[in-house]
Amino acid sequence: MSLPLWHWLARRLDRVALPPDLAGRLAAWQALPPADLSLPLAQGRYVVVDVESTGLDMRRDRLIAIGAVAVVDGRIRLADSFEIVLRQVQVSAKNNILIHGIGGERQREGVEPAEALLRFLEYLGASPLVAFHVAFDETMIRRACRQYLGIRFRRPWLDLAYVMPGLLPNTNRKHRALDHWTGRFSIGNYARHNALADALATAQLLLAALPLARTQGFDHFQALQDLEKAQHWLERNT
Protein backbone atom coordinates (compact mmCIF):
# COMPACT_ATOMS: atom_id res chain seq x y z
CA MET A 1 0.00 0.00 0.00
CA SER A 2 1.42 3.37 -0.94
CA LEU A 3 1.97 6.06 1.66
CA PRO A 4 -0.35 9.08 1.68
CA LEU A 5 1.18 12.02 -0.18
CA TRP A 6 1.58 14.16 2.96
CA HIS A 7 3.37 11.31 4.77
CA TRP A 8 5.70 10.73 1.82
CA LEU A 9 6.53 14.45 1.62
CA ALA A 10 7.20 14.63 5.36
CA ARG A 11 9.62 11.73 5.15
CA ARG A 12 11.38 13.30 2.16
CA LEU A 13 11.70 16.64 3.95
CA ASP A 14 13.24 15.01 7.02
CA ARG A 15 16.09 13.44 5.04
CA VAL A 16 19.37 15.24 5.64
CA ALA A 17 22.66 13.78 4.46
CA LEU A 18 24.94 14.09 7.50
CA PRO A 19 28.62 13.15 7.45
CA PRO A 20 29.23 9.74 9.07
CA ASP A 21 30.72 11.17 12.27
CA LEU A 22 27.76 13.50 12.83
CA ALA A 23 25.29 10.77 11.93
CA GLY A 24 26.92 8.44 14.46
CA ARG A 25 26.75 11.04 17.22
CA LEU A 26 23.11 11.75 16.41
CA ALA A 27 22.26 8.04 16.48
CA ALA A 28 23.93 7.71 19.89
CA TRP A 29 21.84 10.57 21.25
CA GLN A 30 18.64 9.13 19.81
CA ALA A 31 19.40 5.79 21.50
CA LEU A 32 19.45 7.31 25.00
CA PRO A 33 16.72 5.97 27.32
CA PRO A 34 14.00 8.50 28.16
CA ALA A 35 14.14 10.49 31.38
CA ASP A 36 12.16 9.28 34.39
CA LEU A 37 9.59 12.05 34.89
CA SER A 38 8.28 10.46 38.09
CA LEU A 39 11.46 11.17 40.08
CA PRO A 40 11.06 13.55 43.05
CA LEU A 41 11.69 17.17 42.07
CA ALA A 42 14.81 17.31 44.24
CA GLN A 43 16.37 14.55 42.18
CA GLY A 44 17.47 14.31 38.59
CA ARG A 45 18.70 16.82 36.03
CA TYR A 46 16.60 19.47 34.29
CA VAL A 47 17.96 21.68 31.51
CA VAL A 48 16.67 25.25 31.51
CA VAL A 49 16.96 26.73 28.04
CA ASP A 50 16.57 30.04 26.22
CA VAL A 51 17.18 30.94 22.58
CA GLU A 52 17.89 34.02 20.50
CA SER A 53 16.70 34.34 16.92
CA THR A 54 16.53 36.72 13.97
CA GLY A 55 13.03 37.77 15.02
CA LEU A 56 9.80 36.61 16.64
CA ASP A 57 8.18 34.90 13.65
CA MET A 58 8.35 31.21 14.57
CA ARG A 59 7.66 30.16 10.97
CA ARG A 60 10.28 32.27 9.17
CA ASP A 61 12.93 33.57 11.55
CA ARG A 62 16.14 31.63 12.20
CA LEU A 63 17.75 30.31 15.36
CA ILE A 64 20.89 32.27 16.25
CA ALA A 65 21.91 31.13 19.72
CA ILE A 66 21.09 28.64 22.47
CA GLY A 67 21.86 29.12 26.14
CA ALA A 68 21.19 26.51 28.81
CA VAL A 69 21.83 25.84 32.50
CA ALA A 70 21.34 22.53 34.30
CA VAL A 71 19.49 22.16 37.59
CA VAL A 72 20.77 18.97 39.21
CA ASP A 73 19.28 17.53 42.40
CA GLY A 74 17.58 20.83 43.17
CA ARG A 75 20.63 23.06 42.61
CA ILE A 76 21.90 25.15 39.73
CA ARG A 77 25.16 23.77 38.37
CA LEU A 78 26.99 26.68 36.75
CA ALA A 79 29.71 24.31 35.60
CA ASP A 80 26.99 22.38 33.75
CA SER A 81 25.96 25.15 31.38
CA PHE A 82 25.93 25.60 27.63
CA GLU A 83 26.09 28.48 25.15
CA ILE A 84 26.53 28.43 21.40
CA VAL A 85 26.00 30.67 18.36
CA LEU A 86 24.94 29.08 15.08
CA ARG A 87 26.71 30.38 11.99
CA GLN A 88 24.47 32.62 9.91
CA VAL A 89 24.87 32.96 6.16
CA GLN A 90 22.81 36.14 6.32
CA VAL A 91 23.32 38.36 9.36
CA SER A 92 20.19 39.49 11.17
CA ALA A 93 18.94 43.08 10.96
CA LYS A 94 20.57 45.84 13.02
CA ASN A 95 17.52 46.37 15.21
CA ASN A 96 17.56 42.65 15.98
CA ILE A 97 21.26 42.78 16.91
CA LEU A 98 20.53 45.65 19.30
CA ILE A 99 18.21 43.30 21.23
CA HIS A 100 20.40 40.23 21.68
CA GLY A 101 23.84 41.82 21.19
CA ILE A 102 25.19 39.10 18.86
CA GLY A 103 26.96 41.15 16.22
CA GLY A 104 27.35 40.39 12.54
CA GLU A 105 30.92 39.10 12.79
CA ARG A 106 30.03 36.75 15.64
CA GLN A 107 27.05 35.46 13.67
CA ARG A 108 29.16 34.84 10.55
CA GLU A 109 31.85 33.08 12.60
CA GLY A 110 29.46 30.90 14.59
CA VAL A 111 29.49 27.11 14.69
CA GLU A 112 28.08 25.28 11.68
CA PRO A 113 24.39 24.66 12.51
CA ALA A 114 24.45 20.84 12.38
CA GLU A 115 27.50 20.71 14.66
CA ALA A 116 26.06 23.35 16.99
CA LEU A 117 22.77 21.50 17.35
CA LEU A 118 24.52 18.19 17.95
CA ARG A 119 26.58 19.77 20.70
CA PHE A 120 23.37 21.00 22.28
CA LEU A 121 21.72 17.57 22.04
CA GLU A 122 24.78 15.90 23.56
CA TYR A 123 24.76 18.44 26.38
CA LEU A 124 21.03 17.90 26.89
CA GLY A 125 21.24 14.13 26.94
CA ALA A 126 17.86 12.72 27.97
CA SER A 127 17.08 15.50 30.46
CA PRO A 128 13.68 17.21 30.43
CA LEU A 129 13.65 20.87 29.38
CA VAL A 130 12.34 23.94 31.18
CA ALA A 131 11.73 27.38 29.69
CA PHE A 132 9.60 30.49 30.06
CA HIS A 133 7.10 30.59 27.19
CA VAL A 134 8.14 27.22 25.80
CA ALA A 135 6.35 27.54 22.47
CA PHE A 136 8.95 29.87 21.02
CA ASP A 137 12.08 28.08 22.27
CA GLU A 138 10.73 24.65 21.37
CA THR A 139 9.60 25.70 17.90
CA MET A 140 12.90 27.37 17.02
CA ILE A 141 14.94 24.37 18.20
CA ARG A 142 12.59 21.89 16.53
CA ARG A 143 12.68 23.73 13.19
CA ALA A 144 16.48 23.94 13.25
CA CYS A 145 16.83 20.26 14.15
CA ARG A 146 14.57 19.30 11.29
CA GLN A 147 16.38 21.54 8.81
CA TYR A 148 19.97 20.68 9.73
CA LEU A 149 19.77 17.23 11.34
CA GLY A 150 16.70 15.77 9.66
CA ILE A 151 15.06 14.79 12.97
CA ARG A 152 11.87 15.67 14.75
CA PHE A 153 12.97 17.00 18.12
CA ARG A 154 10.57 15.66 20.73
CA ARG A 155 11.47 15.92 24.39
CA PRO A 156 9.41 16.72 27.51
CA TRP A 157 9.14 20.43 28.29
CA LEU A 158 7.87 22.44 31.24
CA ASP A 159 6.65 26.02 30.80
CA LEU A 160 7.18 28.22 33.85
CA ALA A 161 4.99 30.91 32.25
CA TYR A 162 2.03 28.65 33.15
CA VAL A 163 3.44 26.77 36.14
CA MET A 164 4.15 29.92 38.18
CA PRO A 165 0.60 31.35 38.01
CA GLY A 166 -0.67 27.84 38.74
CA LEU A 167 1.38 27.80 41.94
CA LEU A 168 0.60 31.44 42.82
CA PRO A 169 -2.86 32.10 41.35
CA ASN A 170 -3.27 35.47 43.07
CA THR A 171 -0.45 36.90 40.96
CA ASN A 172 -1.78 35.47 37.69
CA ARG A 173 -3.07 38.71 36.18
CA LYS A 174 -0.11 40.82 37.29
CA HIS A 175 2.74 38.59 36.14
CA ARG A 176 2.91 37.75 32.45
CA ALA A 177 6.54 38.26 31.45
CA LEU A 178 9.77 36.74 32.73
CA ASP A 179 10.79 40.16 34.09
CA HIS A 180 7.64 40.26 36.24
CA TRP A 181 8.42 36.93 37.86
CA THR A 182 12.13 37.53 38.35
CA GLY A 183 11.22 40.86 39.98
CA ARG A 184 8.70 39.09 42.21
CA PHE A 185 11.48 36.85 43.56
CA SER A 186 14.29 39.46 43.40
CA ILE A 187 16.18 37.48 40.76
CA GLY A 188 18.84 39.43 38.93
CA ASN A 189 19.74 39.11 35.25
CA TYR A 190 23.22 40.18 34.22
CA ALA A 191 22.42 40.53 30.49
CA ARG A 192 18.74 40.53 29.53
CA HIS A 193 18.09 38.99 26.08
CA ASN A 194 21.33 37.06 26.24
CA ALA A 195 20.38 33.39 25.89
CA LEU A 196 22.60 32.13 28.70
CA ALA A 197 21.72 34.98 31.06
CA ASP A 198 18.00 34.49 30.49
CA ALA A 199 18.39 30.73 30.98
CA LEU A 200 20.16 31.37 34.30
CA ALA A 201 17.41 33.74 35.46
CA THR A 202 14.79 31.16 34.46
CA ALA A 203 16.71 28.45 36.33
CA GLN A 204 16.59 30.61 39.47
CA LEU A 205 12.85 30.98 38.94
CA LEU A 206 12.59 27.19 38.74
CA LEU A 207 14.36 26.93 42.10
CA ALA A 208 11.81 29.37 43.54
CA ALA A 209 9.01 27.19 42.15
CA LEU A 210 10.23 23.86 43.55
CA PRO A 211 9.43 24.41 47.25
CA LEU A 212 6.05 25.91 46.32
CA ALA A 213 5.33 22.85 44.21
CA ARG A 214 6.28 20.40 46.94
CA THR A 215 4.10 22.11 49.57
CA GLN A 216 1.15 21.92 47.17
CA GLY A 217 1.61 18.23 46.44
CA PHE A 218 3.34 18.50 43.06
CA ASP A 219 6.12 16.06 43.78
CA HIS A 220 7.61 15.35 40.36
CA PHE A 221 8.12 16.77 36.88
CA GLN A 222 5.08 15.05 35.42
CA ALA A 223 2.86 16.55 38.12
CA LEU A 224 4.08 20.03 37.16
CA GLN A 225 3.32 19.22 33.52
CA ASP A 226 -0.24 18.39 34.61
CA LEU A 227 -0.43 21.72 36.46
CA GLU A 228 0.78 23.49 33.33
CA LYS A 229 -1.94 21.82 31.23
CA ALA A 230 -4.58 22.79 33.78
CA GLN A 231 -3.39 26.40 33.74
CA HIS A 232 -3.51 26.42 29.92
CA TRP A 233 -7.14 25.27 30.09
CA LEU A 234 -8.00 27.80 32.78
CA GLU A 235 -6.57 30.72 30.82
CA ARG A 236 -8.38 29.66 27.65
CA ASN A 237 -11.73 29.30 29.41
CA THR A 238 -11.87 32.27 31.77
C-alpha atoms as a PDB file:
ATOM      1  CA  MET A   1       0.000   0.000   0.000  1.00  0.00           C
ATOM      2  CA  SER A   2       1.424   3.371  -0.943  1.00  0.00           C
ATOM      3  CA  LEU A   3       1.974   6.061   1.661  1.00  0.00           C
ATOM      4  CA  PRO A   4      -0.354   9.083   1.684  1.00  0.00           C
ATOM      5  CA  LEU A   5       1.184  12.020  -0.175  1.00  0.00           C
ATOM      6  CA  TRP A   6       1.581  14.158   2.964  1.00  0.00           C
ATOM      7  CA  HIS A   7       3.367  11.315   4.772  1.00  0.00           C
ATOM      8  CA  TRP A   8       5.696  10.734   1.820  1.00  0.00           C
ATOM      9  CA  LEU A   9       6.527  14.448   1.619  1.00  0.00           C
ATOM     10  CA  ALA A  10       7.200  14.634   5.358  1.00  0.00           C
ATOM     11  CA  ARG A  11       9.620  11.729   5.147  1.00  0.00           C
ATOM     12  CA  ARG A  12      11.380  13.299   2.165  1.00  0.00           C
ATOM     13  CA  LEU A  13      11.696  16.643   3.953  1.00  0.00           C
ATOM     14  CA  ASP A  14      13.235  15.006   7.019  1.00  0.00           C
ATOM     15  CA  ARG A  15      16.092  13.440   5.036  1.00  0.00           C
ATOM     16  CA  VAL A  16      19.370  15.242   5.644  1.00  0.00           C
ATOM     17  CA  ALA A  17      22.665  13.780   4.462  1.00  0.00           C
ATOM     18  CA  LEU A  18      24.936  14.086   7.505  1.00  0.00           C
ATOM     19  CA  PRO A  19      28.624  13.154   7.454  1.00  0.00           C
ATOM     20  CA  PRO A  20      29.230   9.739   9.065  1.00  0.00           C
ATOM     21  CA  ASP A  21      30.719  11.168  12.272  1.00  0.00           C
ATOM     22  CA  LEU A  22      27.756  13.499  12.831  1.00  0.00           C
ATOM     23  CA  ALA A  23      25.285  10.768  11.933  1.00  0.00           C
ATOM     24  CA  GLY A  24      26.924   8.443  14.458  1.00  0.00           C
ATOM     25  CA  ARG A  25      26.746  11.041  17.225  1.00  0.00           C
ATOM     26  CA  LEU A  26      23.113  11.747  16.412  1.00  0.00           C
ATOM     27  CA  ALA A  27      22.255   8.037  16.485  1.00  0.00           C
ATOM     28  CA  ALA A  28      23.934   7.708  19.886  1.00  0.00           C
ATOM     29  CA  TRP A  29      21.840  10.573  21.250  1.00  0.00           C
ATOM     30  CA  GLN A  30      18.640   9.132  19.806  1.00  0.00           C
ATOM     31  CA  ALA A  31      19.401   5.794  21.502  1.00  0.00           C
ATOM     32  CA  LEU A  32      19.445   7.311  25.002  1.00  0.00           C
ATOM     33  CA  PRO A  33      16.718   5.970  27.316  1.00  0.00           C
ATOM     34  CA  PRO A  34      13.995   8.495  28.163  1.00  0.00           C
ATOM     35  CA  ALA A  35      14.136  10.485  31.385  1.00  0.00           C
ATOM     36  CA  ASP A  36      12.158   9.276  34.393  1.00  0.00           C
ATOM     37  CA  LEU A  37       9.590  12.046  34.888  1.00  0.00           C
ATOM     38  CA  SER A  38       8.281  10.463  38.091  1.00  0.00           C
ATOM     39  CA  LEU A  39      11.459  11.171  40.084  1.00  0.00           C
ATOM     40  CA  PRO A  40      11.059  13.554  43.046  1.00  0.00           C
ATOM     41  CA  LEU A  41      11.686  17.173  42.070  1.00  0.00           C
ATOM     42  CA  ALA A  42      14.810  17.315  44.240  1.00  0.00           C
ATOM     43  CA  GLN A  43      16.367  14.545  42.177  1.00  0.00           C
ATOM     44  CA  GLY A  44      17.471  14.313  38.586  1.00  0.00           C
ATOM     45  CA  ARG A  45      18.701  16.815  36.033  1.00  0.00           C
ATOM     46  CA  TYR A  46      16.604  19.470  34.288  1.00  0.00           C
ATOM     47  CA  VAL A  47      17.962  21.676  31.506  1.00  0.00           C
ATOM     48  CA  VAL A  48      16.671  25.247  31.514  1.00  0.00           C
ATOM     49  CA  VAL A  49      16.958  26.733  28.037  1.00  0.00           C
ATOM     50  CA  ASP A  50      16.569  30.036  26.216  1.00  0.00           C
ATOM     51  CA  VAL A  51      17.180  30.941  22.576  1.00  0.00           C
ATOM     52  CA  GLU A  52      17.891  34.025  20.501  1.00  0.00           C
ATOM     53  CA  SER A  53      16.695  34.345  16.924  1.00  0.00           C
ATOM     54  CA  THR A  54      16.530  36.717  13.972  1.00  0.00           C
ATOM     55  CA  GLY A  55      13.028  37.765  15.025  1.00  0.00           C
ATOM     56  CA  LEU A  56       9.799  36.615  16.639  1.00  0.00           C
ATOM     57  CA  ASP A  57       8.181  34.895  13.648  1.00  0.00           C
ATOM     58  CA  MET A  58       8.347  31.208  14.570  1.00  0.00           C
ATOM     59  CA  ARG A  59       7.660  30.158  10.974  1.00  0.00           C
ATOM     60  CA  ARG A  60      10.280  32.271   9.171  1.00  0.00           C
ATOM     61  CA  ASP A  61      12.934  33.565  11.549  1.00  0.00           C
ATOM     62  CA  ARG A  62      16.145  31.631  12.200  1.00  0.00           C
ATOM     63  CA  LEU A  63      17.748  30.314  15.360  1.00  0.00           C
ATOM     64  CA  ILE A  64      20.890  32.273  16.251  1.00  0.00           C
ATOM     65  CA  ALA A  65      21.914  31.127  19.721  1.00  0.00           C
ATOM     66  CA  ILE A  66      21.088  28.636  22.470  1.00  0.00           C
ATOM     67  CA  GLY A  67      21.861  29.123  26.144  1.00  0.00           C
ATOM     68  CA  ALA A  68      21.189  26.509  28.812  1.00  0.00           C
ATOM     69  CA  VAL A  69      21.833  25.836  32.496  1.00  0.00           C
ATOM     70  CA  ALA A  70      21.343  22.530  34.298  1.00  0.00           C
ATOM     71  CA  VAL A  71      19.492  22.163  37.592  1.00  0.00           C
ATOM     72  CA  VAL A  72      20.775  18.974  39.212  1.00  0.00           C
ATOM     73  CA  ASP A  73      19.284  17.530  42.400  1.00  0.00           C
ATOM     74  CA  GLY A  74      17.583  20.830  43.166  1.00  0.00           C
ATOM     75  CA  ARG A  75      20.632  23.060  42.614  1.00  0.00           C
ATOM     76  CA  ILE A  76      21.905  25.150  39.734  1.00  0.00           C
ATOM     77  CA  ARG A  77      25.163  23.772  38.365  1.00  0.00           C
ATOM     78  CA  LEU A  78      26.986  26.680  36.752  1.00  0.00           C
ATOM     79  CA  ALA A  79      29.714  24.308  35.597  1.00  0.00           C
ATOM     80  CA  ASP A  80      26.993  22.380  33.752  1.00  0.00           C
ATOM     81  CA  SER A  81      25.958  25.154  31.379  1.00  0.00           C
ATOM     82  CA  PHE A  82      25.931  25.604  27.626  1.00  0.00           C
ATOM     83  CA  GLU A  83      26.091  28.481  25.154  1.00  0.00           C
ATOM     84  CA  ILE A  84      26.535  28.430  21.397  1.00  0.00           C
ATOM     85  CA  VAL A  85      26.002  30.669  18.364  1.00  0.00           C
ATOM     86  CA  LEU A  86      24.945  29.078  15.078  1.00  0.00           C
ATOM     87  CA  ARG A  87      26.708  30.380  11.988  1.00  0.00           C
ATOM     88  CA  GLN A  88      24.472  32.621   9.914  1.00  0.00           C
ATOM     89  CA  VAL A  89      24.867  32.956   6.157  1.00  0.00           C
ATOM     90  CA  GLN A  90      22.809  36.135   6.316  1.00  0.00           C
ATOM     91  CA  VAL A  91      23.320  38.356   9.356  1.00  0.00           C
ATOM     92  CA  SER A  92      20.186  39.487  11.166  1.00  0.00           C
ATOM     93  CA  ALA A  93      18.938  43.076  10.963  1.00  0.00           C
ATOM     94  CA  LYS A  94      20.570  45.842  13.020  1.00  0.00           C
ATOM     95  CA  ASN A  95      17.516  46.371  15.211  1.00  0.00           C
ATOM     96  CA  ASN A  96      17.558  42.651  15.983  1.00  0.00           C
ATOM     97  CA  ILE A  97      21.263  42.780  16.911  1.00  0.00           C
ATOM     98  CA  LEU A  98      20.528  45.645  19.298  1.00  0.00           C
ATOM     99  CA  ILE A  99      18.209  43.304  21.226  1.00  0.00           C
ATOM    100  CA  HIS A 100      20.401  40.230  21.678  1.00  0.00           C
ATOM    101  CA  GLY A 101      23.836  41.818  21.187  1.00  0.00           C
ATOM    102  CA  ILE A 102      25.188  39.105  18.860  1.00  0.00           C
ATOM    103  CA  GLY A 103      26.959  41.154  16.217  1.00  0.00           C
ATOM    104  CA  GLY A 104      27.354  40.393  12.537  1.00  0.00           C
ATOM    105  CA  GLU A 105      30.918  39.102  12.793  1.00  0.00           C
ATOM    106  CA  ARG A 106      30.028  36.747  15.637  1.00  0.00           C
ATOM    107  CA  GLN A 107      27.050  35.461  13.667  1.00  0.00           C
ATOM    108  CA  ARG A 108      29.156  34.840  10.555  1.00  0.00           C
ATOM    109  CA  GLU A 109      31.852  33.080  12.603  1.00  0.00           C
ATOM    110  CA  GLY A 110      29.455  30.905  14.587  1.00  0.00           C
ATOM    111  CA  VAL A 111      29.493  27.113  14.687  1.00  0.00           C
ATOM    112  CA  GLU A 112      28.076  25.281  11.682  1.00  0.00           C
ATOM    113  CA  PRO A 113      24.395  24.655  12.508  1.00  0.00           C
ATOM    114  CA  ALA A 114      24.455  20.841  12.379  1.00  0.00           C
ATOM    115  CA  GLU A 115      27.499  20.706  14.658  1.00  0.00           C
ATOM    116  CA  ALA A 116      26.059  23.349  16.995  1.00  0.00           C
ATOM    117  CA  LEU A 117      22.767  21.502  17.347  1.00  0.00           C
ATOM    118  CA  LEU A 118      24.517  18.189  17.950  1.00  0.00           C
ATOM    119  CA  ARG A 119      26.585  19.766  20.702  1.00  0.00           C
ATOM    120  CA  PHE A 120      23.372  20.997  22.285  1.00  0.00           C
ATOM    121  CA  LEU A 121      21.722  17.574  22.041  1.00  0.00           C
ATOM    122  CA  GLU A 122      24.780  15.900  23.557  1.00  0.00           C
ATOM    123  CA  TYR A 123      24.760  18.441  26.378  1.00  0.00           C
ATOM    124  CA  LEU A 124      21.034  17.899  26.885  1.00  0.00           C
ATOM    125  CA  GLY A 125      21.236  14.125  26.942  1.00  0.00           C
ATOM    126  CA  ALA A 126      17.856  12.716  27.973  1.00  0.00           C
ATOM    127  CA  SER A 127      17.075  15.501  30.461  1.00  0.00           C
ATOM    128  CA  PRO A 128      13.680  17.210  30.426  1.00  0.00           C
ATOM    129  CA  LEU A 129      13.652  20.871  29.384  1.00  0.00           C
ATOM    130  CA  VAL A 130      12.341  23.937  31.181  1.00  0.00           C
ATOM    131  CA  ALA A 131      11.734  27.384  29.692  1.00  0.00           C
ATOM    132  CA  PHE A 132       9.601  30.493  30.063  1.00  0.00           C
ATOM    133  CA  HIS A 133       7.097  30.591  27.190  1.00  0.00           C
ATOM    134  CA  VAL A 134       8.142  27.219  25.802  1.00  0.00           C
ATOM    135  CA  ALA A 135       6.350  27.543  22.470  1.00  0.00           C
ATOM    136  CA  PHE A 136       8.951  29.873  21.018  1.00  0.00           C
ATOM    137  CA  ASP A 137      12.075  28.082  22.268  1.00  0.00           C
ATOM    138  CA  GLU A 138      10.729  24.649  21.368  1.00  0.00           C
ATOM    139  CA  THR A 139       9.601  25.703  17.903  1.00  0.00           C
ATOM    140  CA  MET A 140      12.903  27.370  17.021  1.00  0.00           C
ATOM    141  CA  ILE A 141      14.942  24.368  18.196  1.00  0.00           C
ATOM    142  CA  ARG A 142      12.587  21.893  16.527  1.00  0.00           C
ATOM    143  CA  ARG A 143      12.682  23.729  13.187  1.00  0.00           C
ATOM    144  CA  ALA A 144      16.478  23.944  13.246  1.00  0.00           C
ATOM    145  CA  CYS A 145      16.829  20.255  14.148  1.00  0.00           C
ATOM    146  CA  ARG A 146      14.567  19.298  11.286  1.00  0.00           C
ATOM    147  CA  GLN A 147      16.381  21.541   8.808  1.00  0.00           C
ATOM    148  CA  TYR A 148      19.970  20.683   9.731  1.00  0.00           C
ATOM    149  CA  LEU A 149      19.766  17.235  11.344  1.00  0.00           C
ATOM    150  CA  GLY A 150      16.698  15.774   9.656  1.00  0.00           C
ATOM    151  CA  ILE A 151      15.063  14.793  12.972  1.00  0.00           C
ATOM    152  CA  ARG A 152      11.868  15.674  14.754  1.00  0.00           C
ATOM    153  CA  PHE A 153      12.974  17.004  18.116  1.00  0.00           C
ATOM    154  CA  ARG A 154      10.573  15.658  20.727  1.00  0.00           C
ATOM    155  CA  ARG A 155      11.471  15.918  24.389  1.00  0.00           C
ATOM    156  CA  PRO A 156       9.411  16.717  27.508  1.00  0.00           C
ATOM    157  CA  TRP A 157       9.142  20.434  28.291  1.00  0.00           C
ATOM    158  CA  LEU A 158       7.867  22.437  31.243  1.00  0.00           C
ATOM    159  CA  ASP A 159       6.646  26.017  30.798  1.00  0.00           C
ATOM    160  CA  LEU A 160       7.178  28.225  33.851  1.00  0.00           C
ATOM    161  CA  ALA A 161       4.987  30.909  32.251  1.00  0.00           C
ATOM    162  CA  TYR A 162       2.025  28.648  33.150  1.00  0.00           C
ATOM    163  CA  VAL A 163       3.441  26.775  36.139  1.00  0.00           C
ATOM    164  CA  MET A 164       4.154  29.923  38.179  1.00  0.00           C
ATOM    165  CA  PRO A 165       0.603  31.355  38.013  1.00  0.00           C
ATOM    166  CA  GLY A 166      -0.670  27.843  38.741  1.00  0.00           C
ATOM    167  CA  LEU A 167       1.379  27.800  41.941  1.00  0.00           C
ATOM    168  CA  LEU A 168       0.598  31.437  42.823  1.00  0.00           C
ATOM    169  CA  PRO A 169      -2.858  32.102  41.348  1.00  0.00           C
ATOM    170  CA  ASN A 170      -3.270  35.473  43.073  1.00  0.00           C
ATOM    171  CA  THR A 171      -0.446  36.897  40.959  1.00  0.00           C
ATOM    172  CA  ASN A 172      -1.781  35.467  37.694  1.00  0.00           C
ATOM    173  CA  ARG A 173      -3.073  38.705  36.178  1.00  0.00           C
ATOM    174  CA  LYS A 174      -0.109  40.820  37.285  1.00  0.00           C
ATOM    175  CA  HIS A 175       2.744  38.586  36.144  1.00  0.00           C
ATOM    176  CA  ARG A 176       2.909  37.747  32.448  1.00  0.00           C
ATOM    177  CA  ALA A 177       6.541  38.263  31.451  1.00  0.00           C
ATOM    178  CA  LEU A 178       9.770  36.742  32.734  1.00  0.00           C
ATOM    179  CA  ASP A 179      10.786  40.157  34.095  1.00  0.00           C
ATOM    180  CA  HIS A 180       7.637  40.261  36.236  1.00  0.00           C
ATOM    181  CA  TRP A 181       8.417  36.931  37.858  1.00  0.00           C
ATOM    182  CA  THR A 182      12.129  37.532  38.348  1.00  0.00           C
ATOM    183  CA  GLY A 183      11.217  40.858  39.978  1.00  0.00           C
ATOM    184  CA  ARG A 184       8.697  39.088  42.211  1.00  0.00           C
ATOM    185  CA  PHE A 185      11.478  36.853  43.561  1.00  0.00           C
ATOM    186  CA  SER A 186      14.287  39.465  43.395  1.00  0.00           C
ATOM    187  CA  ILE A 187      16.178  37.476  40.757  1.00  0.00           C
ATOM    188  CA  GLY A 188      18.843  39.431  38.927  1.00  0.00           C
ATOM    189  CA  ASN A 189      19.736  39.114  35.247  1.00  0.00           C
ATOM    190  CA  TYR A 190      23.223  40.176  34.224  1.00  0.00           C
ATOM    191  CA  ALA A 191      22.418  40.526  30.493  1.00  0.00           C
ATOM    192  CA  ARG A 192      18.743  40.530  29.532  1.00  0.00           C
ATOM    193  CA  HIS A 193      18.087  38.992  26.075  1.00  0.00           C
ATOM    194  CA  ASN A 194      21.334  37.062  26.238  1.00  0.00           C
ATOM    195  CA  ALA A 195      20.381  33.391  25.892  1.00  0.00           C
ATOM    196  CA  LEU A 196      22.601  32.129  28.703  1.00  0.00           C
ATOM    197  CA  ALA A 197      21.722  34.984  31.058  1.00  0.00           C
ATOM    198  CA  ASP A 198      17.997  34.491  30.487  1.00  0.00           C
ATOM    199  CA  ALA A 199      18.391  30.730  30.984  1.00  0.00           C
ATOM    200  CA  LEU A 200      20.157  31.368  34.301  1.00  0.00           C
ATOM    201  CA  ALA A 201      17.407  33.736  35.462  1.00  0.00           C
ATOM    202  CA  THR A 202      14.787  31.159  34.459  1.00  0.00           C
ATOM    203  CA  ALA A 203      16.712  28.447  36.328  1.00  0.00           C
ATOM    204  CA  GLN A 204      16.585  30.610  39.467  1.00  0.00           C
ATOM    205  CA  LEU A 205      12.845  30.982  38.942  1.00  0.00           C
ATOM    206  CA  LEU A 206      12.585  27.189  38.738  1.00  0.00           C
ATOM    207  CA  LEU A 207      14.356  26.931  42.100  1.00  0.00           C
ATOM    208  CA  ALA A 208      11.812  29.372  43.538  1.00  0.00           C
ATOM    209  CA  ALA A 209       9.014  27.186  42.154  1.00  0.00           C
ATOM    210  CA  LEU A 210      10.232  23.857  43.547  1.00  0.00           C
ATOM    211  CA  PRO A 211       9.432  24.413  47.254  1.00  0.00           C
ATOM    212  CA  LEU A 212       6.054  25.912  46.320  1.00  0.00           C
ATOM    213  CA  ALA A 213       5.329  22.846  44.208  1.00  0.00           C
ATOM    214  CA  ARG A 214       6.276  20.398  46.944  1.00  0.00           C
ATOM    215  CA  THR A 215       4.104  22.111  49.570  1.00  0.00           C
ATOM    216  CA  GLN A 216       1.150  21.921  47.171  1.00  0.00           C
ATOM    217  CA  GLY A 217       1.612  18.230  46.439  1.00  0.00           C
ATOM    218  CA  PHE A 218       3.338  18.500  43.060  1.00  0.00           C
ATOM    219  CA  ASP A 219       6.124  16.061  43.778  1.00  0.00           C
ATOM    220  CA  HIS A 220       7.611  15.347  40.361  1.00  0.00           C
ATOM    221  CA  PHE A 221       8.125  16.775  36.876  1.00  0.00           C
ATOM    222  CA  GLN A 222       5.085  15.046  35.421  1.00  0.00           C
ATOM    223  CA  ALA A 223       2.864  16.554  38.116  1.00  0.00           C
ATOM    224  CA  LEU A 224       4.078  20.030  37.161  1.00  0.00           C
ATOM    225  CA  GLN A 225       3.323  19.222  33.524  1.00  0.00           C
ATOM    226  CA  ASP A 226      -0.237  18.388  34.615  1.00  0.00           C
ATOM    227  CA  LEU A 227      -0.430  21.716  36.460  1.00  0.00           C
ATOM    228  CA  GLU A 228       0.781  23.488  33.327  1.00  0.00           C
ATOM    229  CA  LYS A 229      -1.937  21.822  31.232  1.00  0.00           C
ATOM    230  CA  ALA A 230      -4.582  22.794  33.785  1.00  0.00           C
ATOM    231  CA  GLN A 231      -3.389  26.402  33.738  1.00  0.00           C
ATOM    232  CA  HIS A 232      -3.510  26.423  29.921  1.00  0.00           C
ATOM    233  CA  TRP A 233      -7.137  25.270  30.091  1.00  0.00           C
ATOM    234  CA  LEU A 234      -7.996  27.799  32.782  1.00  0.00           C
ATOM    235  CA  GLU A 235      -6.573  30.723  30.820  1.00  0.00           C
ATOM    236  CA  ARG A 236      -8.376  29.660  27.653  1.00  0.00           C
ATOM    237  CA  ASN A 237     -11.730  29.303  29.408  1.00  0.00           C
ATOM    238  CA  THR A 238     -11.865  32.274  31.765  1.00  0.00           C
END
